[in-house]
Amino acid sequence: MMDCMATSKRKGREEGEKSLLRYSSGTIYAKTLAGNRTLVQDVSFSIRKGEKLSLIGETGSGKTMIALSLMGKLAPNVKTEGLQCILDGKDCSHPKVASSLLGREVAYIPQNGMEFLNPSRTVKHHLYDSLHRAGVRSAEAKDKAASALSSVGFRDIDEILKSYPFQLSGGMAQRVTVALALCTRAKLIIADEPTNGLDKEAASRMLEHLGLLFPDAGQLFITHDIGVASNADRILVLCGGRTMEYGRNFFLQNPRNAYTKRLVSSLVSNGMKATPTLRKRTGCPFSDRCPEYSERCRDERIHQREGEHEWWCNG
């Protein structure tokens, strides 16, 4: 109950702001042979024009489910109840509406460019497809495609255009996916682990490029990497499909939620250290692993707030 009331209050406050995106997950659940399994519960946030928000958490925390629900791409057995998604005043809560905006008003940058690209199609065909979806005329496609590739650092444009994905390195394929996003007229960029497989220097360049290439778009980062997360204006920490902490990026220097503290200390350059599987879904989803555990954590989480910084913790 406390979680629902807090989410409702936060949602109401954010709706009063001039937001590009307003999102409230409601309940996202999977239908299985053993019954319904809740994946995400009462997560809400907003993104303003030109703002970056990072969703951060370990594997299985719900980050990808939220991104897929935004794009209307949840698996057939994954359902939603109470999902609300408003992009620039347009209600895209229904998956058909959300998926129709993908490649036009919403651009997706995957975590693995090589796997994302169709191996039987050249880079040129990928770019032309994106440009046509965005309404660019065929006569303009070549110049627009060349401009997009140039913007992400390619020099031998003609060679890249005729290349197939298997002829590219991992970093080059990732840059092609960013070029594909540039071919859209996207208002919202969803970047799923955008620096995956890149060394520290290349990752830094990638994040800088995204900021420069999409200055007016809202950007949503899906990540477990502290460096990527801290690049955002605001951060939302997830555990077990629920919000644990939310606010301006500097709260990572002094996190208040016990899970966030553990998350920050567990993050290393090549990913997250292994943690035990979650067993409980009532109360705090971190209660089984929390060093600050008390009996009340099994059944409730206290919502606390200082300015724009919010956290859910009994500690």
C-alpha atoms as a PDB file:
ATOM      1  CA  MET A   1       0.000   0.000   0.000  1.00  0.00           C
ATOM      2  CA  MET A   2       2.789   2.420   0.913  1.00  0.00           C
ATOM      3  CA  ASP A   3       4.504   1.678  -2.417  1.00  0.00           C
ATOM      4  CA  CYS A   4       1.305   2.386  -4.362  1.00  0.00           C
ATOM      5  CA  MET A   5       0.604   5.638  -2.504  1.00  0.00           C
ATOM      6  CA  ALA A   6       4.174   6.841  -3.008  1.00  0.00           C
ATOM      7  CA  THR A   7       4.082   5.937  -6.688  1.00  0.00           C
ATOM      8  CA  SER A   8       0.786   7.764  -7.133  1.00  0.00           C
ATOM      9  CA  LYS A   9       2.139  10.903  -5.459  1.00  0.00           C
ATOM     10  CA  ARG A  10       5.293  10.860  -7.555  1.00  0.00           C
ATOM     11  CA  LYS A  11       3.323  10.286 -10.728  1.00  0.00           C
ATOM     12  CA  GLY A  12       1.064  13.218  -9.964  1.00  0.00           C
ATOM     13  CA  ARG A  13       4.029  15.493  -9.294  1.00  0.00           C
ATOM     14  CA  GLU A  14       5.748  14.490 -12.539  1.00  0.00           C
ATOM     15  CA  GLU A  15       2.598  14.981 -14.591  1.00  0.00           C
ATOM     16  CA  GLY A  16       2.655  18.599 -13.468  1.00  0.00           C
ATOM     17  CA  GLU A  17       6.056  19.028 -15.111  1.00  0.00           C
ATOM     18  CA  LYS A  18       6.530  19.581 -18.826  1.00  0.00           C
ATOM     19  CA  SER A  19       7.681  16.060 -19.649  1.00  0.00           C
ATOM     20  CA  LEU A  20       8.472  14.505 -23.006  1.00  0.00           C
ATOM     21  CA  LEU A  21       7.739  11.049 -21.594  1.00  0.00           C
ATOM     22  CA  ARG A  22       5.545  10.043 -18.677  1.00  0.00           C
ATOM     23  CA  TYR A  23       5.660   6.357 -17.803  1.00  0.00           C
ATOM     24  CA  SER A  24       3.932   4.221 -15.188  1.00  0.00           C
ATOM     25  CA  SER A  25       4.389   0.462 -15.424  1.00  0.00           C
ATOM     26  CA  GLY A  26       1.373  -0.651 -13.431  1.00  0.00           C
ATOM     27  CA  THR A  27       1.964  -4.400 -13.229  1.00  0.00           C
ATOM     28  CA  ILE A  28       3.956  -6.288 -15.853  1.00  0.00           C
ATOM     29  CA  TYR A  29       3.618 -10.044 -15.411  1.00  0.00           C
ATOM     30  CA  ALA A  30       4.406 -13.291 -17.199  1.00  0.00           C
ATOM     31  CA  LYS A  31       1.834 -16.019 -17.680  1.00  0.00           C
ATOM     32  CA  THR A  32       3.496 -19.357 -16.916  1.00  0.00           C
ATOM     33  CA  LEU A  33       2.347 -22.924 -16.336  1.00  0.00           C
ATOM     34  CA  ALA A  34       2.880 -22.333 -12.619  1.00  0.00           C
ATOM     35  CA  GLY A  35       0.705 -19.199 -12.672  1.00  0.00           C
ATOM     36  CA  ASN A  36       1.278 -15.489 -13.131  1.00  0.00           C
ATOM     37  CA  ARG A  37       4.686 -14.135 -12.141  1.00  0.00           C
ATOM     38  CA  THR A  38       5.066 -10.401 -11.464  1.00  0.00           C
ATOM     39  CA  LEU A  39       8.080  -8.917 -13.257  1.00  0.00           C
ATOM     40  CA  VAL A  40       7.637  -5.165 -12.652  1.00  0.00           C
ATOM     41  CA  GLN A  41       5.391  -3.449 -10.107  1.00  0.00           C
ATOM     42  CA  ASP A  42       4.473   0.254  -9.824  1.00  0.00           C
ATOM     43  CA  VAL A  43       7.558   1.803 -11.426  1.00  0.00           C
ATOM     44  CA  SER A  44       7.025   5.349 -12.690  1.00  0.00           C
ATOM     45  CA  PHE A  45       9.258   8.089 -14.061  1.00  0.00           C
ATOM     46  CA  SER A  46       9.347  11.007 -16.477  1.00  0.00           C
ATOM     47  CA  ILE A  47      11.920  12.257 -18.971  1.00  0.00           C
ATOM     48  CA  ARG A  48      12.093  15.838 -20.166  1.00  0.00           C
ATOM     49  CA  LYS A  49      13.246  16.955 -23.610  1.00  0.00           C
ATOM     50  CA  GLY A  50      17.043  16.667 -23.772  1.00  0.00           C
ATOM     51  CA  GLU A  51      17.224  14.779 -20.459  1.00  0.00           C
ATOM     52  CA  LYS A  52      18.937  11.452 -19.762  1.00  0.00           C
ATOM     53  CA  LEU A  53      17.574   8.850 -17.343  1.00  0.00           C
ATOM     54  CA  SER A  54      19.364   5.624 -16.411  1.00  0.00           C
ATOM     55  CA  LEU A  55      17.564   2.500 -15.239  1.00  0.00           C
ATOM     56  CA  ILE A  56      20.150   0.567 -13.268  1.00  0.00           C
ATOM     57  CA  GLY A  57      20.005  -2.804 -11.543  1.00  0.00           C
ATOM     58  CA  GLU A  58      21.304  -6.339 -11.668  1.00  0.00           C
ATOM     59  CA  THR A  59      20.145  -8.976 -14.156  1.00  0.00           C
ATOM     60  CA  GLY A  60      16.437  -9.673 -13.713  1.00  0.00           C
ATOM     61  CA  SER A  61      15.682  -6.362 -12.024  1.00  0.00           C
ATOM     62  CA  GLY A  62      13.090  -5.373 -14.642  1.00  0.00           C
ATOM     63  CA  LYS A  63      15.080  -2.896 -16.753  1.00  0.00           C
ATOM     64  CA  THR A  64      14.564  -4.660 -20.060  1.00  0.00           C
ATOM     65  CA  MET A  65      10.874  -5.362 -19.370  1.00  0.00           C
ATOM     66  CA  ILE A  66      10.288  -1.636 -18.932  1.00  0.00           C
ATOM     67  CA  ALA A  67      12.118  -0.856 -22.192  1.00  0.00           C
ATOM     68  CA  LEU A  68      10.183  -3.525 -24.093  1.00  0.00           C
ATOM     69  CA  SER A  69       6.877  -2.233 -22.739  1.00  0.00           C
ATOM     70  CA  LEU A  70       7.805   1.245 -23.986  1.00  0.00           C
ATOM     71  CA  MET A  71       8.386  -0.156 -27.477  1.00  0.00           C
ATOM     72  CA  GLY A  72       5.358  -2.464 -27.539  1.00  0.00           C
ATOM     73  CA  LYS A  73       7.673  -5.464 -27.858  1.00  0.00           C
ATOM     74  CA  LEU A  74       6.864  -7.598 -24.808  1.00  0.00           C
ATOM     75  CA  ALA A  75       6.756 -11.357 -25.417  1.00  0.00           C
ATOM     76  CA  PRO A  76       3.287 -12.845 -26.124  1.00  0.00           C
ATOM     77  CA  ASN A  77       3.101 -14.414 -22.650  1.00  0.00           C
ATOM     78  CA  VAL A  78       4.024 -11.150 -20.898  1.00  0.00           C
ATOM     79  CA  LYS A  79       1.027  -8.964 -20.088  1.00  0.00           C
ATOM     80  CA  THR A  80       0.438  -5.558 -18.533  1.00  0.00           C
ATOM     81  CA  GLU A  81      -2.200  -4.193 -16.195  1.00  0.00           C
ATOM     82  CA  GLY A  82      -2.471  -0.451 -15.649  1.00  0.00           C
ATOM     83  CA  LEU A  83       0.420   0.488 -17.973  1.00  0.00           C
ATOM     84  CA  GLN A  84       0.447   4.185 -18.879  1.00  0.00           C
ATOM     85  CA  CYS A  85       2.874   5.690 -21.378  1.00  0.00           C
ATOM     86  CA  ILE A  86       2.522   9.215 -22.755  1.00  0.00           C
ATOM     87  CA  LEU A  87       5.106  10.388 -25.309  1.00  0.00           C
ATOM     88  CA  ASP A  88       4.932  14.057 -26.256  1.00  0.00           C
ATOM     89  CA  GLY A  89       1.219  14.128 -25.462  1.00  0.00           C
ATOM     90  CA  LYS A  90       0.447  10.925 -27.385  1.00  0.00           C
ATOM     91  CA  ASP A  91      -0.907   7.916 -25.490  1.00  0.00           C
ATOM     92  CA  CYS A  92       1.217   4.947 -26.560  1.00  0.00           C
ATOM     93  CA  SER A  93       0.190   2.585 -23.765  1.00  0.00           C
ATOM     94  CA  HIS A  94      -1.208   0.071 -26.275  1.00  0.00           C
ATOM     95  CA  PRO A  95       1.538  -2.117 -27.799  1.00  0.00           C
ATOM     96  CA  LYS A  96       0.311  -1.538 -31.364  1.00  0.00           C
ATOM     97  CA  VAL A  97       0.619   2.223 -30.941  1.00  0.00           C
ATOM     98  CA  ALA A  98       4.009   1.931 -29.213  1.00  0.00           C
ATOM     99  CA  SER A  99       5.460  -0.382 -31.878  1.00  0.00           C
ATOM    100  CA  SER A 100       4.198   1.915 -34.655  1.00  0.00           C
ATOM    101  CA  LEU A 101       6.358   4.720 -33.217  1.00  0.00           C
ATOM    102  CA  LEU A 102       9.518   2.588 -33.192  1.00  0.00           C
ATOM    103  CA  GLY A 103      11.885   3.789 -35.896  1.00  0.00           C
ATOM    104  CA  ARG A 104      10.024   7.064 -36.158  1.00  0.00           C
ATOM    105  CA  GLU A 105       9.531   8.859 -32.855  1.00  0.00           C
ATOM    106  CA  VAL A 106      11.338   6.228 -30.782  1.00  0.00           C
ATOM    107  CA  ALA A 107      14.805   4.890 -31.661  1.00  0.00           C
ATOM    108  CA  TYR A 108      16.357   1.785 -30.115  1.00  0.00           C
ATOM    109  CA  ILE A 109      20.097   1.236 -29.723  1.00  0.00           C
ATOM    110  CA  PRO A 110      20.720  -2.443 -28.794  1.00  0.00           C
ATOM    111  CA  GLN A 111      23.458  -3.799 -26.591  1.00  0.00           C
ATOM    112  CA  ASN A 112      24.870  -6.003 -29.344  1.00  0.00           C
ATOM    113  CA  GLY A 113      24.991  -4.328 -32.738  1.00  0.00           C
ATOM    114  CA  MET A 114      26.302  -7.435 -34.488  1.00  0.00           C
ATOM    115  CA  GLU A 115      23.362  -9.575 -33.357  1.00  0.00           C
ATOM    116  CA  PHE A 116      20.849  -6.798 -34.025  1.00  0.00           C
ATOM    117  CA  LEU A 117      21.811  -6.261 -37.676  1.00  0.00           C
ATOM    118  CA  ASN A 118      20.451  -8.596 -40.358  1.00  0.00           C
ATOM    119  CA  PRO A 119      23.464 -10.596 -41.652  1.00  0.00           C
ATOM    120  CA  SER A 120      21.952 -10.904 -45.138  1.00  0.00           C
ATOM    121  CA  ARG A 121      21.583  -7.150 -45.668  1.00  0.00           C
ATOM    122  CA  THR A 122      24.243  -4.519 -46.246  1.00  0.00           C
ATOM    123  CA  VAL A 123      24.681  -1.458 -44.071  1.00  0.00           C
ATOM    124  CA  LYS A 124      23.237   0.571 -46.942  1.00  0.00           C
ATOM    125  CA  HIS A 125      20.003  -1.432 -46.905  1.00  0.00           C
ATOM    126  CA  HIS A 126      19.705  -1.115 -43.120  1.00  0.00           C
ATOM    127  CA  LEU A 127      20.099   2.653 -43.310  1.00  0.00           C
ATOM    128  CA  TYR A 128      17.739   3.057 -46.266  1.00  0.00           C
ATOM    129  CA  ASP A 129      15.071   1.031 -44.448  1.00  0.00           C
ATOM    130  CA  SER A 130      15.331   3.323 -41.416  1.00  0.00           C
ATOM    131  CA  LEU A 131      15.215   6.439 -43.581  1.00  0.00           C
ATOM    132  CA  HIS A 132      12.143   5.236 -45.455  1.00  0.00           C
ATOM    133  CA  ARG A 133      10.342   4.466 -42.165  1.00  0.00           C
ATOM    134  CA  ALA A 134      11.134   8.020 -41.095  1.00  0.00           C
ATOM    135  CA  GLY A 135       9.550   9.371 -44.280  1.00  0.00           C
ATOM    136  CA  VAL A 136      12.749  10.367 -46.103  1.00  0.00           C
ATOM    137  CA  ARG A 137      12.418  10.353 -49.887  1.00  0.00           C
ATOM    138  CA  SER A 138      14.505   7.876 -51.889  1.00  0.00           C
ATOM    139  CA  ALA A 139      16.297  10.711 -53.692  1.00  0.00           C
ATOM    140  CA  GLU A 140      17.620  12.002 -50.368  1.00  0.00           C
ATOM    141  CA  ALA A 141      18.448   8.625 -48.823  1.00  0.00           C
ATOM    142  CA  LYS A 142      22.064   8.332 -50.019  1.00  0.00           C
ATOM    143  CA  ASP A 143      23.122  11.726 -48.661  1.00  0.00           C
ATOM    144  CA  LYS A 144      21.259  11.172 -45.381  1.00  0.00           C
ATOM    145  CA  ALA A 145      22.837   7.722 -44.934  1.00  0.00           C
ATOM    146  CA  ALA A 146      26.323   9.078 -45.621  1.00  0.00           C
ATOM    147  CA  SER A 147      25.752  11.923 -43.179  1.00  0.00           C
ATOM    148  CA  ALA A 148      24.627   9.519 -40.445  1.00  0.00           C
ATOM    149  CA  LEU A 149      27.697   7.303 -40.896  1.00  0.00           C
ATOM    150  CA  SER A 150      29.998  10.314 -40.925  1.00  0.00           C
ATOM    151  CA  SER A 151      28.421  11.587 -37.694  1.00  0.00           C
ATOM    152  CA  VAL A 152      29.389   8.399 -35.844  1.00  0.00           C
ATOM    153  CA  GLY A 153      33.005   8.538 -37.007  1.00  0.00           C
ATOM    154  CA  PHE A 154      33.168   6.537 -40.236  1.00  0.00           C
ATOM    155  CA  ARG A 155      35.433   7.915 -42.958  1.00  0.00           C
ATOM    156  CA  ASP A 156      35.336   5.416 -45.845  1.00  0.00           C
ATOM    157  CA  ILE A 157      31.582   5.806 -46.282  1.00  0.00           C
ATOM    158  CA  ASP A 158      31.228   3.933 -49.591  1.00  0.00           C
ATOM    159  CA  GLU A 159      33.092   0.926 -48.201  1.00  0.00           C
ATOM    160  CA  ILE A 160      30.925   0.813 -45.071  1.00  0.00           C
ATOM    161  CA  LEU A 161      27.688   1.185 -47.055  1.00  0.00           C
ATOM    162  CA  LYS A 162      28.392  -1.933 -49.109  1.00  0.00           C
ATOM    163  CA  SER A 163      29.598  -3.970 -46.121  1.00  0.00           C
ATOM    164  CA  TYR A 164      27.644  -6.780 -44.484  1.00  0.00           C
ATOM    165  CA  PRO A 165      27.496  -6.958 -40.668  1.00  0.00           C
ATOM    166  CA  PHE A 166      29.931  -9.908 -40.495  1.00  0.00           C
ATOM    167  CA  GLN A 167      32.535  -7.719 -42.206  1.00  0.00           C
ATOM    168  CA  LEU A 168      32.418  -5.186 -39.358  1.00  0.00           C
ATOM    169  CA  SER A 169      34.062  -5.269 -35.953  1.00  0.00           C
ATOM    170  CA  GLY A 170      31.849  -5.231 -32.858  1.00  0.00           C
ATOM    171  CA  GLY A 171      32.544  -1.551 -32.271  1.00  0.00           C
ATOM    172  CA  MET A 172      31.785  -0.686 -35.898  1.00  0.00           C
ATOM    173  CA  ALA A 173      28.491  -2.599 -35.768  1.00  0.00           C
ATOM    174  CA  GLN A 174      27.556  -0.709 -32.618  1.00  0.00           C
ATOM    175  CA  ARG A 175      28.255   2.602 -34.352  1.00  0.00           C
ATOM    176  CA  VAL A 176      26.052   1.514 -37.254  1.00  0.00           C
ATOM    177  CA  THR A 177      23.138   1.025 -34.829  1.00  0.00           C
ATOM    178  CA  VAL A 178      23.666   4.591 -33.595  1.00  0.00           C
ATOM    179  CA  ALA A 179      23.667   5.759 -37.224  1.00  0.00           C
ATOM    180  CA  LEU A 180      20.359   3.914 -37.679  1.00  0.00           C
ATOM    181  CA  ALA A 181      18.942   5.866 -34.746  1.00  0.00           C
ATOM    182  CA  LEU A 182      20.181   9.079 -36.359  1.00  0.00           C
ATOM    183  CA  CYS A 183      18.177   8.236 -39.475  1.00  0.00           C
ATOM    184  CA  THR A 184      14.958   8.532 -37.489  1.00  0.00           C
ATOM    185  CA  ARG A 185      13.332  11.690 -36.216  1.00  0.00           C
ATOM    186  CA  ALA A 186      13.275  10.240 -32.747  1.00  0.00           C
ATOM    187  CA  LYS A 187      12.058  12.160 -29.738  1.00  0.00           C
ATOM    188  CA  LEU A 188      13.060   9.311 -27.419  1.00  0.00           C
ATOM    189  CA  ILE A 189      16.250   7.214 -27.582  1.00  0.00           C
ATOM    190  CA  ILE A 190      16.258   3.870 -25.742  1.00  0.00           C
ATOM    191  CA  ALA A 191      19.829   2.616 -25.350  1.00  0.00           C
ATOM    192  CA  ASP A 192      20.191  -0.926 -23.974  1.00  0.00           C
ATOM    193  CA  GLU A 193      23.708  -1.365 -22.552  1.00  0.00           C
ATOM    194  CA  PRO A 194      25.051   0.949 -25.311  1.00  0.00           C
ATOM    195  CA  THR A 195      28.696   0.491 -24.297  1.00  0.00           C
ATOM    196  CA  ASN A 196      28.548  -3.306 -24.105  1.00  0.00           C
ATOM    197  CA  GLY A 197      31.762  -4.870 -25.439  1.00  0.00           C
ATOM    198  CA  LEU A 198      33.585  -1.540 -25.744  1.00  0.00           C
ATOM    199  CA  ASP A 199      36.763  -0.668 -23.879  1.00  0.00           C
ATOM    200  CA  LYS A 200      36.723   2.248 -21.441  1.00  0.00           C
ATOM    201  CA  GLU A 201      37.953   4.820 -23.955  1.00  0.00           C
ATOM    202  CA  ALA A 202      35.537   3.691 -26.686  1.00  0.00           C
ATOM    203  CA  ALA A 203      32.676   3.605 -24.177  1.00  0.00           C
ATOM    204  CA  SER A 204      33.428   7.165 -23.117  1.00  0.00           C
ATOM    205  CA  ARG A 205      33.407   8.282 -26.756  1.00  0.00           C
ATOM    206  CA  MET A 206      30.119   6.475 -27.368  1.00  0.00           C
ATOM    207  CA  LEU A 207      28.403   8.246 -24.460  1.00  0.00           C
ATOM    208  CA  GLU A 208      29.788  11.588 -25.591  1.00  0.00           C
ATOM    209  CA  HIS A 209      28.541  10.926 -29.130  1.00  0.00           C
ATOM    210  CA  LEU A 210      25.036  10.107 -27.908  1.00  0.00           C
ATOM    211  CA  GLY A 211      24.872  13.386 -26.020  1.00  0.00           C
ATOM    212  CA  LEU A 212      26.069  15.390 -29.015  1.00  0.00           C
ATOM    213  CA  LEU A 213      24.066  13.554 -31.668  1.00  0.00           C
ATOM    214  CA  PHE A 214      20.724  13.644 -29.854  1.00  0.00           C
ATOM    215  CA  PRO A 215      20.775  16.947 -27.924  1.00  0.00           C
ATOM    216  CA  ASP A 216      17.006  17.464 -27.971  1.00  0.00           C
ATOM    217  CA  ALA A 217      15.799  13.887 -27.566  1.00  0.00           C
ATOM    218  CA  GLY A 218      14.982  12.275 -24.250  1.00  0.00           C
ATOM    219  CA  GLN A 219      17.375   9.397 -23.582  1.00  0.00           C
ATOM    220  CA  LEU A 220      16.706   6.250 -21.548  1.00  0.00           C
ATOM    221  CA  PHE A 221      19.747   4.128 -20.681  1.00  0.00           C
ATOM    222  CA  ILE A 222      19.310   0.493 -19.627  1.00  0.00           C
ATOM    223  CA  THR A 223      22.466  -0.501 -17.773  1.00  0.00           C
ATOM    224  CA  HIS A 224      24.252  -2.222 -14.907  1.00  0.00           C
ATOM    225  CA  ASP A 225      27.381  -0.121 -15.507  1.00  0.00           C
ATOM    226  CA  ILE A 226      27.987   2.638 -12.974  1.00  0.00           C
ATOM    227  CA  GLY A 227      29.886   4.735 -15.516  1.00  0.00           C
ATOM    228  CA  VAL A 228      26.981   4.709 -17.947  1.00  0.00           C
ATOM    229  CA  ALA A 229      24.447   5.345 -15.187  1.00  0.00           C
ATOM    230  CA  SER A 230      26.322   8.307 -13.749  1.00  0.00           C
ATOM    231  CA  ASN A 231      26.403   9.890 -17.219  1.00  0.00           C
ATOM    232  CA  ALA A 232      22.637  10.458 -16.946  1.00  0.00           C
ATOM    233  CA  ASP A 233      20.897  13.430 -15.352  1.00  0.00           C
ATOM    234  CA  ARG A 234      18.753  11.180 -13.194  1.00  0.00           C
ATOM    235  CA  ILE A 235      18.925   7.571 -12.071  1.00  0.00           C
ATOM    236  CA  LEU A 236      16.285   5.028 -11.091  1.00  0.00           C
ATOM    237  CA  VAL A 237      17.530   1.958  -9.218  1.00  0.00           C
ATOM    238  CA  LEU A 238      15.553  -1.265  -9.678  1.00  0.00           C
ATOM    239  CA  CYS A 239      15.503  -4.525  -7.738  1.00  0.00           C
ATOM    240  CA  GLY A 240      13.024  -7.328  -8.252  1.00  0.00           C
ATOM    241  CA  GLY A 241      10.946  -5.151 -10.548  1.00  0.00           C
ATOM    242  CA  ARG A 242      10.445  -2.362  -8.004  1.00  0.00           C
ATOM    243  CA  THR A 243      11.930   1.093  -7.503  1.00  0.00           C
ATOM    244  CA  MET A 244      14.536   1.224  -4.740  1.00  0.00           C
ATOM    245  CA  GLU A 245      15.974   4.725  -5.209  1.00  0.00           C
ATOM    246  CA  TYR A 246      15.367   7.614  -7.599  1.00  0.00           C
ATOM    247  CA  GLY A 247      16.859  11.054  -8.066  1.00  0.00           C
ATOM    248  CA  ARG A 248      19.629  13.207  -9.522  1.00  0.00           C
ATOM    249  CA  ASN A 249      22.783  11.280 -10.420  1.00  0.00           C
ATOM    250  CA  PHE A 250      24.820  12.604  -7.504  1.00  0.00           C
ATOM    251  CA  PHE A 251      22.897  10.434  -5.020  1.00  0.00           C
ATOM    252  CA  LEU A 252      25.170   7.553  -6.079  1.00  0.00           C
ATOM    253  CA  GLN A 253      27.900   9.261  -4.045  1.00  0.00           C
ATOM    254  CA  ASN A 254      25.786   8.788  -0.918  1.00  0.00           C
ATOM    255  CA  PRO A 255      23.020   6.236  -1.579  1.00  0.00           C
ATOM    256  CA  ARG A 256      20.372   5.820   1.119  1.00  0.00           C
ATOM    257  CA  ASN A 257      18.832   2.508   0.111  1.00  0.00           C
ATOM    258  CA  ALA A 258      20.618  -0.642   1.296  1.00  0.00           C
ATOM    259  CA  TYR A 259      20.298  -2.281  -2.115  1.00  0.00           C
ATOM    260  CA  THR A 260      21.762   0.740  -3.915  1.00  0.00           C
ATOM    261  CA  LYS A 261      24.745   0.664  -1.551  1.00  0.00           C
ATOM    262  CA  ARG A 262      25.320  -3.013  -2.358  1.00  0.00           C
ATOM    263  CA  LEU A 263      24.764  -2.406  -6.064  1.00  0.00           C
ATOM    264  CA  VAL A 264      27.334   0.392  -6.221  1.00  0.00           C
ATOM    265  CA  SER A 265      29.922  -1.635  -4.298  1.00  0.00           C
ATOM    266  CA  SER A 266      29.325  -4.696  -6.513  1.00  0.00           C
ATOM    267  CA  LEU A 267      29.743  -2.925  -9.825  1.00  0.00           C
ATOM    268  CA  VAL A 268      33.085  -3.546 -11.465  1.00  0.00           C
ATOM    269  CA  SER A 269      34.502  -2.724 -14.881  1.00  0.00           C
ATOM    270  CA  ASN A 270      33.289  -5.931 -16.522  1.00  0.00           C
ATOM    271  CA  GLY A 271      29.864  -6.166 -14.898  1.00  0.00           C
ATOM    272  CA  MET A 272      28.018  -7.267 -11.790  1.00  0.00           C
ATOM    273  CA  LYS A 273      29.262  -9.768  -9.262  1.00  0.00           C
ATOM    274  CA  ALA A 274      26.949 -12.722  -8.828  1.00  0.00           C
ATOM    275  CA  THR A 275      24.252 -12.387  -6.174  1.00  0.00           C
ATOM    276  CA  PRO A 276      21.770 -14.967  -4.842  1.00  0.00           C
ATOM    277  CA  THR A 277      18.451 -15.466  -6.596  1.00  0.00           C
ATOM    278  CA  LEU A 278      15.547 -13.528  -5.133  1.00  0.00           C
ATOM    279  CA  ARG A 279      13.129 -15.735  -3.164  1.00  0.00           C
ATOM    280  CA  LYS A 280      10.496 -13.335  -1.829  1.00  0.00           C
ATOM    281  CA  ARG A 281       8.200 -10.920  -3.638  1.00  0.00           C
ATOM    282  CA  THR A 282       6.421  -9.369  -0.635  1.00  0.00           C
ATOM    283  CA  GLY A 283       7.838  -6.411   1.245  1.00  0.00           C
ATOM    284  CA  CYS A 284      11.322  -5.418   0.141  1.00  0.00           C
ATOM    285  CA  PRO A 285      12.674  -7.535  -2.742  1.00  0.00           C
ATOM    286  CA  PHE A 286      16.178  -7.214  -1.271  1.00  0.00           C
ATOM    287  CA  SER A 287      15.239  -8.396   2.237  1.00  0.00           C
ATOM    288  CA  ASP A 288      16.789 -11.872   1.873  1.00  0.00           C
ATOM    289  CA  ARG A 289      20.205 -10.354   1.136  1.00  0.00           C
ATOM    290  CA  CYS A 290      20.151  -7.121   3.098  1.00  0.00           C
ATOM    291  CA  PRO A 291      22.706  -6.610   5.898  1.00  0.00           C
ATOM    292  CA  GLU A 292      20.298  -4.076   7.469  1.00  0.00           C
ATOM    293  CA  TYR A 293      17.334  -6.484   7.489  1.00  0.00           C
ATOM    294  CA  SER A 294      14.597  -6.230  10.113  1.00  0.00           C
ATOM    295  CA  GLU A 295      11.314  -8.143  10.452  1.00  0.00           C
ATOM    296  CA  ARG A 296       9.247  -5.292   9.017  1.00  0.00           C
ATOM    297  CA  CYS A 297      11.168  -5.569   5.723  1.00  0.00           C
ATOM    298  CA  ARG A 298       9.281  -8.772   4.943  1.00  0.00           C
ATOM    299  CA  ASP A 299       5.968  -6.924   4.654  1.00  0.00           C
ATOM    300  CA  GLU A 300       6.600  -3.231   3.961  1.00  0.00           C
ATOM    301  CA  ARG A 301       8.979  -0.591   2.632  1.00  0.00           C
ATOM    302  CA  ILE A 302       9.056   2.952   3.962  1.00  0.00           C
ATOM    303  CA  HIS A 303       9.043   5.691   1.326  1.00  0.00           C
ATOM    304  CA  GLN A 304      11.459   8.497   2.248  1.00  0.00           C
ATOM    305  CA  ARG A 305      12.330  11.708   0.454  1.00  0.00           C
ATOM    306  CA  GLU A 306      14.731  14.644   0.549  1.00  0.00           C
ATOM    307  CA  GLY A 307      13.986  17.146  -2.220  1.00  0.00           C
ATOM    308  CA  GLU A 308      14.088  15.296  -5.548  1.00  0.00           C
ATOM    309  CA  HIS A 309      15.830  12.297  -3.983  1.00  0.00           C
ATOM    310  CA  GLU A 310      13.522   9.401  -3.062  1.00  0.00           C
ATOM    311  CA  TRP A 311      14.199   5.966  -1.653  1.00  0.00           C
ATOM    312  CA  TRP A 312      12.271   3.009  -0.289  1.00  0.00           C
ATOM    313  CA  CYS A 313      13.994   1.482   2.723  1.00  0.00           C
ATOM    314  CA  ASN A 314      13.295   0.762   6.391  1.00  0.00           C
ATOM    315  CA  GLY A 315      16.911   1.359   7.393  1.00  0.00           C
END
